[in-house]
């Protein structure tokens, strides 16, 4: 576990959060005494329901225009 003082933690917060997200516990001290600890959050991966995704995309209207033409129409008209 790494230890940093509060002033240093303020200056390097993004780096410390990345370290904590990577599994390292980071202790923050004030006047040499521990006051807080950063640790990563355990997240469970979310599974994608393939059948629901296929049903969603099958229900979408088919686009006949290419991407550039689609963007031009959206840009030039308030509605598509």
PDB file of N, CA and C in Angstrom:
ATOM      1  N   UNK A   1       0.848  -1.170   0.000  1.00  0.00           N
ATOM      2  CA  UNK A   1       0.000   0.000   0.000  1.00  0.00           C
ATOM      3  C   UNK A   1       0.893   1.232   0.000  1.00  0.00           C
ATOM      4  N   UNK A   2       0.592   2.160  -0.923  1.00  0.00           N
ATOM      5  CA  UNK A   2       1.326   3.406  -0.988  1.00  0.00           C
ATOM      6  C   UNK A   2       0.724   4.420  -0.034  1.00  0.00           C
ATOM      7  N   UNK A   3       1.531   5.389   0.362  1.00  0.00           N
ATOM      8  CA  UNK A   3       1.066   6.408   1.285  1.00  0.00           C
ATOM      9  C   UNK A   3       1.479   7.764   0.741  1.00  0.00           C
ATOM     10  N   UNK A   4       0.536   8.718   0.714  1.00  0.00           N
ATOM     11  CA  UNK A   4       0.828  10.070   0.251  1.00  0.00           C
ATOM     12  C   UNK A   4       0.174  11.069   1.197  1.00  0.00           C
ATOM     13  N   UNK A   5       0.790  12.253   1.313  1.00  0.00           N
ATOM     14  CA  UNK A   5       0.167  13.267   2.163  1.00  0.00           C
ATOM     15  C   UNK A   5      -0.963  13.940   1.399  1.00  0.00           C
ATOM     16  N   UNK A   6      -1.812  14.654   2.104  1.00  0.00           N
ATOM     17  CA  UNK A   6      -3.013  15.234   1.532  1.00  0.00           C
ATOM     18  C   UNK A   6      -2.704  16.207   0.400  1.00  0.00           C
ATOM     19  N   UNK A   7      -1.710  17.051   0.569  1.00  0.00           N
ATOM     20  CA  UNK A   7      -1.361  18.029  -0.471  1.00  0.00           C
ATOM     21  C   UNK A   7      -0.934  17.320  -1.755  1.00  0.00           C
ATOM     22  N   UNK A   8      -0.137  16.274  -1.615  1.00  0.00           N
ATOM     23  CA  UNK A   8       0.309  15.501  -2.776  1.00  0.00           C
ATOM     24  C   UNK A   8      -0.870  14.772  -3.418  1.00  0.00           C
ATOM     25  N   UNK A   9      -1.792  14.274  -2.596  1.00  0.00           N
ATOM     26  CA  UNK A   9      -2.967  13.578  -3.117  1.00  0.00           C
ATOM     27  C   UNK A   9      -3.828  14.518  -3.947  1.00  0.00           C
ATOM     28  N   UNK A  10      -3.966  15.768  -3.504  1.00  0.00           N
ATOM     29  CA  UNK A  10      -4.741  16.748  -4.262  1.00  0.00           C
ATOM     30  C   UNK A  10      -4.112  16.984  -5.626  1.00  0.00           C
ATOM     31  N   UNK A  11      -2.798  17.063  -5.650  1.00  0.00           N
ATOM     32  CA  UNK A  11      -2.086  17.347  -6.894  1.00  0.00           C
ATOM     33  C   UNK A  11      -2.072  16.153  -7.848  1.00  0.00           C
ATOM     34  N   UNK A  12      -2.164  14.936  -7.317  1.00  0.00           N
ATOM     35  CA  UNK A  12      -2.030  13.734  -8.144  1.00  0.00           C
ATOM     36  C   UNK A  12      -3.253  12.827  -8.053  1.00  0.00           C
ATOM     37  N   UNK A  13      -4.438  13.397  -7.861  1.00  0.00           N
ATOM     38  CA  UNK A  13      -5.632  12.598  -7.632  1.00  0.00           C
ATOM     39  C   UNK A  13      -5.914  11.618  -8.771  1.00  0.00           C
ATOM     40  N   UNK A  14      -5.827  12.070 -10.003  1.00  0.00           N
ATOM     41  CA  UNK A  14      -6.122  11.180 -11.139  1.00  0.00           C
ATOM     42  C   UNK A  14      -5.206   9.958 -11.135  1.00  0.00           C
ATOM     43  N   UNK A  15      -3.941  10.177 -10.897  1.00  0.00           N
ATOM     44  CA  UNK A  15      -2.982   9.067 -10.850  1.00  0.00           C
ATOM     45  C   UNK A  15      -3.305   8.113  -9.698  1.00  0.00           C
ATOM     46  N   UNK A  16      -3.648   8.668  -8.540  1.00  0.00           N
ATOM     47  CA  UNK A  16      -3.957   7.827  -7.381  1.00  0.00           C
ATOM     48  C   UNK A  16      -5.225   7.009  -7.610  1.00  0.00           C
ATOM     49  N   UNK A  17      -6.219   7.603  -8.261  1.00  0.00           N
ATOM     50  CA  UNK A  17      -7.450   6.868  -8.571  1.00  0.00           C
ATOM     51  C   UNK A  17      -7.141   5.723  -9.525  1.00  0.00           C
ATOM     52  N   UNK A  18      -6.305   5.962 -10.515  1.00  0.00           N
ATOM     53  CA  UNK A  18      -5.919   4.890 -11.441  1.00  0.00           C
ATOM     54  C   UNK A  18      -5.210   3.759 -10.708  1.00  0.00           C
ATOM     55  N   UNK A  19      -4.319   4.111  -9.791  1.00  0.00           N
ATOM     56  CA  UNK A  19      -3.619   3.081  -9.013  1.00  0.00           C
ATOM     57  C   UNK A  19      -4.607   2.275  -8.177  1.00  0.00           C
ATOM     58  N   UNK A  20      -5.563   2.963  -7.560  1.00  0.00           N
ATOM     59  CA  UNK A  20      -6.563   2.276  -6.744  1.00  0.00           C
ATOM     60  C   UNK A  20      -7.441   1.378  -7.613  1.00  0.00           C
ATOM     61  N   UNK A  21      -7.822   1.870  -8.787  1.00  0.00           N
ATOM     62  CA  UNK A  21      -8.639   1.063  -9.700  1.00  0.00           C
ATOM     63  C   UNK A  21      -7.880  -0.173 -10.168  1.00  0.00           C
ATOM     64  N   UNK A  22      -6.552  -0.067 -10.207  1.00  0.00           N
ATOM     65  CA  UNK A  22      -5.715  -1.202 -10.600  1.00  0.00           C
ATOM     66  C   UNK A  22      -5.475  -2.204  -9.487  1.00  0.00           C
ATOM     67  N   UNK A  23      -6.044  -1.949  -8.320  1.00  0.00           N
ATOM     68  CA  UNK A  23      -5.933  -2.913  -7.236  1.00  0.00           C
ATOM     69  C   UNK A  23      -5.035  -2.502  -6.081  1.00  0.00           C
ATOM     70  N   UNK A  24      -4.339  -1.381  -6.211  1.00  0.00           N
ATOM     71  CA  UNK A  24      -3.450  -0.932  -5.140  1.00  0.00           C
ATOM     72  C   UNK A  24      -4.227  -0.041  -4.167  1.00  0.00           C
ATOM     73  N   UNK A  25      -4.068  -0.269  -2.888  1.00  0.00           N
ATOM     74  CA  UNK A  25      -4.677   0.595  -1.879  1.00  0.00           C
ATOM     75  C   UNK A  25      -3.734   1.771  -1.647  1.00  0.00           C
ATOM     76  N   UNK A  26      -4.301   2.978  -1.599  1.00  0.00           N
ATOM     77  CA  UNK A  26      -3.502   4.185  -1.401  1.00  0.00           C
ATOM     78  C   UNK A  26      -3.973   4.860  -0.113  1.00  0.00           C
ATOM     79  N   UNK A  27      -3.054   5.043   0.820  1.00  0.00           N
ATOM     80  CA  UNK A  27      -3.358   5.675   2.103  1.00  0.00           C
ATOM     81  C   UNK A  27      -3.028   7.169   2.010  1.00  0.00           C
ATOM     82  N   UNK A  28      -3.975   8.005   2.406  1.00  0.00           N
ATOM     83  CA  UNK A  28      -3.768   9.456   2.410  1.00  0.00           C
ATOM     84  C   UNK A  28      -3.567   9.891   3.863  1.00  0.00           C
ATOM     85  N   UNK A  29      -2.502  10.660   4.076  1.00  0.00           N
ATOM     86  CA  UNK A  29      -2.167  11.080   5.440  1.00  0.00           C
ATOM     87  C   UNK A  29      -2.281  12.594   5.581  1.00  0.00           C
ATOM     88  N   UNK A  30      -2.516  13.022   6.819  1.00  0.00           N
ATOM     89  CA  UNK A  30      -2.499  14.441   7.168  1.00  0.00           C
ATOM     90  C   UNK A  30      -1.604  14.557   8.396  1.00  0.00           C
ATOM     91  N   UNK A  31      -0.561  15.359   8.268  1.00  0.00           N
ATOM     92  CA  UNK A  31       0.430  15.522   9.351  1.00  0.00           C
ATOM     93  C   UNK A  31       0.994  14.170   9.799  1.00  0.00           C
ATOM     94  N   UNK A  32       1.188  13.293   8.833  1.00  0.00           N
ATOM     95  CA  UNK A  32       1.806  11.996   9.112  1.00  0.00           C
ATOM     96  C   UNK A  32       0.871  10.919   9.627  1.00  0.00           C
ATOM     97  N   UNK A  33      -0.408  11.236   9.830  1.00  0.00           N
ATOM     98  CA  UNK A  33      -1.357  10.241  10.349  1.00  0.00           C
ATOM     99  C   UNK A  33      -2.354   9.870   9.259  1.00  0.00           C
ATOM    100  N   UNK A  34      -2.651   8.584   9.100  1.00  0.00           N
ATOM    101  CA  UNK A  34      -3.606   8.155   8.074  1.00  0.00           C
ATOM    102  C   UNK A  34      -4.997   8.731   8.339  1.00  0.00           C
ATOM    103  N   UNK A  35      -5.623   9.296   7.286  1.00  0.00           N
ATOM    104  CA  UNK A  35      -6.966   9.851   7.425  1.00  0.00           C
ATOM    105  C   UNK A  35      -7.946   9.266   6.415  1.00  0.00           C
ATOM    106  N   UNK A  36      -7.449   8.687   5.333  1.00  0.00           N
ATOM    107  CA  UNK A  36      -8.336   8.117   4.315  1.00  0.00           C
ATOM    108  C   UNK A  36      -7.578   7.067   3.520  1.00  0.00           C
ATOM    109  N   UNK A  37      -8.347   6.240   2.841  1.00  0.00           N
ATOM    110  CA  UNK A  37      -7.734   5.203   2.009  1.00  0.00           C
ATOM    111  C   UNK A  37      -8.536   5.077   0.722  1.00  0.00           C
ATOM    112  N   UNK A  38      -7.832   5.080  -0.404  1.00  0.00           N
ATOM    113  CA  UNK A  38      -8.462   4.860  -1.710  1.00  0.00           C
ATOM    114  C   UNK A  38      -8.288   3.400  -2.086  1.00  0.00           C
ATOM    115  N   UNK A  39      -9.381   2.774  -2.449  1.00  0.00           N
ATOM    116  CA  UNK A  39      -9.327   1.404  -2.954  1.00  0.00           C
ATOM    117  C   UNK A  39     -10.244   1.301  -4.156  1.00  0.00           C
ATOM    118  N   UNK A  40      -9.985   0.338  -4.998  1.00  0.00           N
ATOM    119  CA  UNK A  40     -10.827   0.120  -6.162  1.00  0.00           C
ATOM    120  C   UNK A  40     -12.153  -0.499  -5.758  1.00  0.00           C
ATOM    121  N   UNK A  41     -13.143  -0.333  -6.611  1.00  0.00           N
ATOM    122  CA  UNK A  41     -14.467  -0.905  -6.388  1.00  0.00           C
ATOM    123  C   UNK A  41     -14.566  -2.199  -7.177  1.00  0.00           C
ATOM    124  N   UNK A  42     -15.011  -3.250  -6.508  1.00  0.00           N
ATOM    125  CA  UNK A  42     -15.195  -4.524  -7.196  1.00  0.00           C
ATOM    126  C   UNK A  42     -16.435  -4.428  -8.077  1.00  0.00           C
ATOM    127  N   UNK A  43     -16.253  -4.669  -9.360  1.00  0.00           N
ATOM    128  CA  UNK A  43     -17.377  -4.609 -10.288  1.00  0.00           C
ATOM    129  C   UNK A  43     -17.584  -5.971 -10.908  1.00  0.00           C
ATOM    130  N   UNK A  44     -18.835  -6.365 -11.012  1.00  0.00           N
ATOM    131  CA  UNK A  44     -19.136  -7.615 -11.695  1.00  0.00           C
ATOM    132  C   UNK A  44     -19.451  -7.285 -13.146  1.00  0.00           C
ATOM    133  N   UNK A  45     -18.870  -8.011 -14.070  1.00  0.00           N
ATOM    134  CA  UNK A  45     -19.127  -7.720 -15.475  1.00  0.00           C
ATOM    135  C   UNK A  45     -20.594  -7.964 -15.823  1.00  0.00           C
ATOM    136  N   UNK A  46     -21.142  -7.109 -16.665  1.00  0.00           N
ATOM    137  CA  UNK A  46     -22.519  -7.237 -17.098  1.00  0.00           C
ATOM    138  C   UNK A  46     -22.561  -8.037 -18.386  1.00  0.00           C
ATOM    139  N   UNK A  47     -23.362  -9.069 -18.388  1.00  0.00           N
ATOM    140  CA  UNK A  47     -23.488  -9.884 -19.595  1.00  0.00           C
ATOM    141  C   UNK A  47     -24.461  -9.216 -20.554  1.00  0.00           C
ATOM    142  N   UNK A  48     -24.149  -9.325 -21.833  1.00  0.00           N
ATOM    143  CA  UNK A  48     -25.019  -8.783 -22.865  1.00  0.00           C
ATOM    144  C   UNK A  48     -25.984  -9.875 -23.297  1.00  0.00           C
ATOM    145  N   UNK A  49     -27.271  -9.543 -23.305  1.00  0.00           N
ATOM    146  CA  UNK A  49     -28.295 -10.471 -23.771  1.00  0.00           C
ATOM    147  C   UNK A  49     -28.313 -10.380 -25.290  1.00  0.00           C
ATOM    148  N   UNK A  50     -27.685 -11.344 -25.946  1.00  0.00           N
ATOM    149  CA  UNK A  50     -27.525 -11.314 -27.397  1.00  0.00           C
ATOM    150  C   UNK A  50     -28.882 -11.349 -28.091  1.00  0.00           C
ATOM    151  N   UNK A  51     -29.795 -12.146 -27.605  1.00  0.00           N
ATOM    152  CA  UNK A  51     -31.117 -12.247 -28.232  1.00  0.00           C
ATOM    153  C   UNK A  51     -31.856 -10.907 -28.158  1.00  0.00           C
ATOM    154  N   UNK A  52     -31.768 -10.213 -27.019  1.00  0.00           N
ATOM    155  CA  UNK A  52     -32.425  -8.912 -26.884  1.00  0.00           C
ATOM    156  C   UNK A  52     -31.777  -7.887 -27.811  1.00  0.00           C
ATOM    157  N   UNK A  53     -30.456  -7.937 -27.956  1.00  0.00           N
ATOM    158  CA  UNK A  53     -29.758  -7.024 -28.851  1.00  0.00           C
ATOM    159  C   UNK A  53     -30.156  -7.268 -30.301  1.00  0.00           C
ATOM    160  N   UNK A  54     -30.241  -8.542 -30.681  1.00  0.00           N
ATOM    161  CA  UNK A  54     -30.657  -8.876 -32.050  1.00  0.00           C
ATOM    162  C   UNK A  54     -32.090  -8.435 -32.311  1.00  0.00           C
ATOM    163  N   UNK A  55     -32.979  -8.595 -31.329  1.00  0.00           N
ATOM    164  CA  UNK A  55     -34.370  -8.166 -31.487  1.00  0.00           C
ATOM    165  C   UNK A  55     -34.445  -6.642 -31.635  1.00  0.00           C
ATOM    166  N   UNK A  56     -33.648  -5.933 -30.874  1.00  0.00           N
ATOM    167  CA  UNK A  56     -33.634  -4.476 -30.948  1.00  0.00           C
ATOM    168  C   UNK A  56     -33.165  -4.010 -32.324  1.00  0.00           C
ATOM    169  N   UNK A  57     -32.054  -4.556 -32.790  1.00  0.00           N
ATOM    170  CA  UNK A  57     -31.527  -4.119 -34.086  1.00  0.00           C
ATOM    171  C   UNK A  57     -32.420  -4.560 -35.238  1.00  0.00           C
ATOM    172  N   UNK A  58     -33.099  -5.681 -35.115  1.00  0.00           N
ATOM    173  CA  UNK A  58     -34.009  -6.129 -36.169  1.00  0.00           C
ATOM    174  C   UNK A  58     -35.212  -5.203 -36.286  1.00  0.00           C
ATOM    175  N   UNK A  59     -35.618  -4.580 -35.181  1.00  0.00           N
ATOM    176  CA  UNK A  59     -36.775  -3.685 -35.185  1.00  0.00           C
ATOM    177  C   UNK A  59     -36.431  -2.290 -35.714  1.00  0.00           C
ATOM    178  N   UNK A  60     -35.157  -1.984 -35.875  1.00  0.00           N
ATOM    179  CA  UNK A  60     -34.753  -0.659 -36.351  1.00  0.00           C
ATOM    180  C   UNK A  60     -34.970  -0.554 -37.858  1.00  0.00           C
ATOM    181  N   UNK A  61     -35.373   0.643 -38.331  1.00  0.00           N
ATOM    182  CA  UNK A  61     -35.557   0.801 -39.772  1.00  0.00           C
ATOM    183  C   UNK A  61     -34.225   0.739 -40.509  1.00  0.00           C
ATOM    184  N   UNK A  62     -34.251   0.183 -41.680  1.00  0.00           N
ATOM    185  CA  UNK A  62     -33.043   0.054 -42.493  1.00  0.00           C
ATOM    186  C   UNK A  62     -32.690   1.414 -43.085  1.00  0.00           C
ATOM    187  N   UNK A  63     -31.432   1.817 -43.010  1.00  0.00           N
ATOM    188  CA  UNK A  63     -30.969   3.074 -43.585  1.00  0.00           C
ATOM    189  C   UNK A  63     -30.511   2.835 -45.016  1.00  0.00           C
ATOM    190  N   UNK A  64     -31.072   3.584 -45.943  1.00  0.00           N
ATOM    191  CA  UNK A  64     -30.692   3.405 -47.345  1.00  0.00           C
ATOM    192  C   UNK A  64     -29.565   4.348 -47.736  1.00  0.00           C
ATOM    193  N   UNK A  65     -29.419   5.464 -47.019  1.00  0.00           N
ATOM    194  CA  UNK A  65     -28.356   6.431 -47.323  1.00  0.00           C
ATOM    195  C   UNK A  65     -27.042   5.973 -46.707  1.00  0.00           C
ATOM    196  N   UNK A  66     -25.960   6.419 -47.310  1.00  0.00           N
ATOM    197  CA  UNK A  66     -24.656   6.206 -46.711  1.00  0.00           C
ATOM    198  C   UNK A  66     -24.475   7.150 -45.527  1.00  0.00           C
ATOM    199  N   UNK A  67     -23.436   6.943 -44.790  1.00  0.00           N
ATOM    200  CA  UNK A  67     -23.192   7.745 -43.598  1.00  0.00           C
ATOM    201  C   UNK A  67     -23.051   9.229 -43.891  1.00  0.00           C
ATOM    202  N   UNK A  68     -22.314   9.581 -44.942  1.00  0.00           N
ATOM    203  CA  UNK A  68     -22.100  10.994 -45.272  1.00  0.00           C
ATOM    204  C   UNK A  68     -23.417  11.659 -45.653  1.00  0.00           C
ATOM    205  N   UNK A  69     -24.236  10.994 -46.456  1.00  0.00           N
ATOM    206  CA  UNK A  69     -25.523  11.559 -46.872  1.00  0.00           C
ATOM    207  C   UNK A  69     -26.457  11.711 -45.667  1.00  0.00           C
ATOM    208  N   UNK A  70     -26.441  10.747 -44.778  1.00  0.00           N
ATOM    209  CA  UNK A  70     -27.264  10.797 -43.573  1.00  0.00           C
ATOM    210  C   UNK A  70     -26.900  12.008 -42.719  1.00  0.00           C
ATOM    211  N   UNK A  71     -25.602  12.243 -42.542  1.00  0.00           N
ATOM    212  CA  UNK A  71     -25.137  13.372 -41.732  1.00  0.00           C
ATOM    213  C   UNK A  71     -25.497  14.688 -42.421  1.00  0.00           C
ATOM    214  N   UNK A  72     -25.343  14.766 -43.753  1.00  0.00           N
ATOM    215  CA  UNK A  72     -25.709  15.979 -44.480  1.00  0.00           C
ATOM    216  C   UNK A  72     -27.185  16.310 -44.288  1.00  0.00           C
ATOM    217  N   UNK A  73     -28.041  15.302 -44.372  1.00  0.00           N
ATOM    218  CA  UNK A  73     -29.478  15.525 -44.191  1.00  0.00           C
ATOM    219  C   UNK A  73     -29.775  16.012 -42.777  1.00  0.00           C
ATOM    220  N   UNK A  74     -29.119  15.429 -41.802  1.00  0.00           N
ATOM    221  CA  UNK A  74     -29.342  15.860 -40.425  1.00  0.00           C
ATOM    222  C   UNK A  74     -28.848  17.287 -40.223  1.00  0.00           C
ATOM    223  N   UNK A  75     -27.731  17.618 -40.840  1.00  0.00           N
ATOM    224  CA  UNK A  75     -27.155  18.956 -40.691  1.00  0.00           C
ATOM    225  C   UNK A  75     -28.024  20.007 -41.375  1.00  0.00           C
ATOM    226  N   UNK A  76     -28.499  19.705 -42.574  1.00  0.00           N
ATOM    227  CA  UNK A  76     -29.218  20.686 -43.377  1.00  0.00           C
ATOM    228  C   UNK A  76     -30.689  20.823 -42.996  1.00  0.00           C
ATOM    229  N   UNK A  77     -31.258  19.841 -42.370  1.00  0.00           N
ATOM    230  CA  UNK A  77     -32.675  19.879 -41.967  1.00  0.00           C
ATOM    231  C   UNK A  77     -32.761  19.813 -40.452  1.00  0.00           C
ATOM    232  N   UNK A  78     -33.769  20.469 -39.911  1.00  0.00           N
ATOM    233  CA  UNK A  78     -33.988  20.364 -38.477  1.00  0.00           C
ATOM    234  C   UNK A  78     -34.524  18.993 -38.113  1.00  0.00           C
ATOM    235  N   UNK A  79     -35.133  18.344 -39.060  1.00  0.00           N
ATOM    236  CA  UNK A  79     -35.673  17.012 -38.796  1.00  0.00           C
ATOM    237  C   UNK A  79     -35.181  16.072 -39.873  1.00  0.00           C
ATOM    238  N   UNK A  80     -35.164  14.826 -39.600  1.00  0.00           N
ATOM    239  CA  UNK A  80     -34.740  13.830 -40.594  1.00  0.00           C
ATOM    240  C   UNK A  80     -35.855  12.885 -40.866  1.00  0.00           C
TER     241      UNK A  80
END
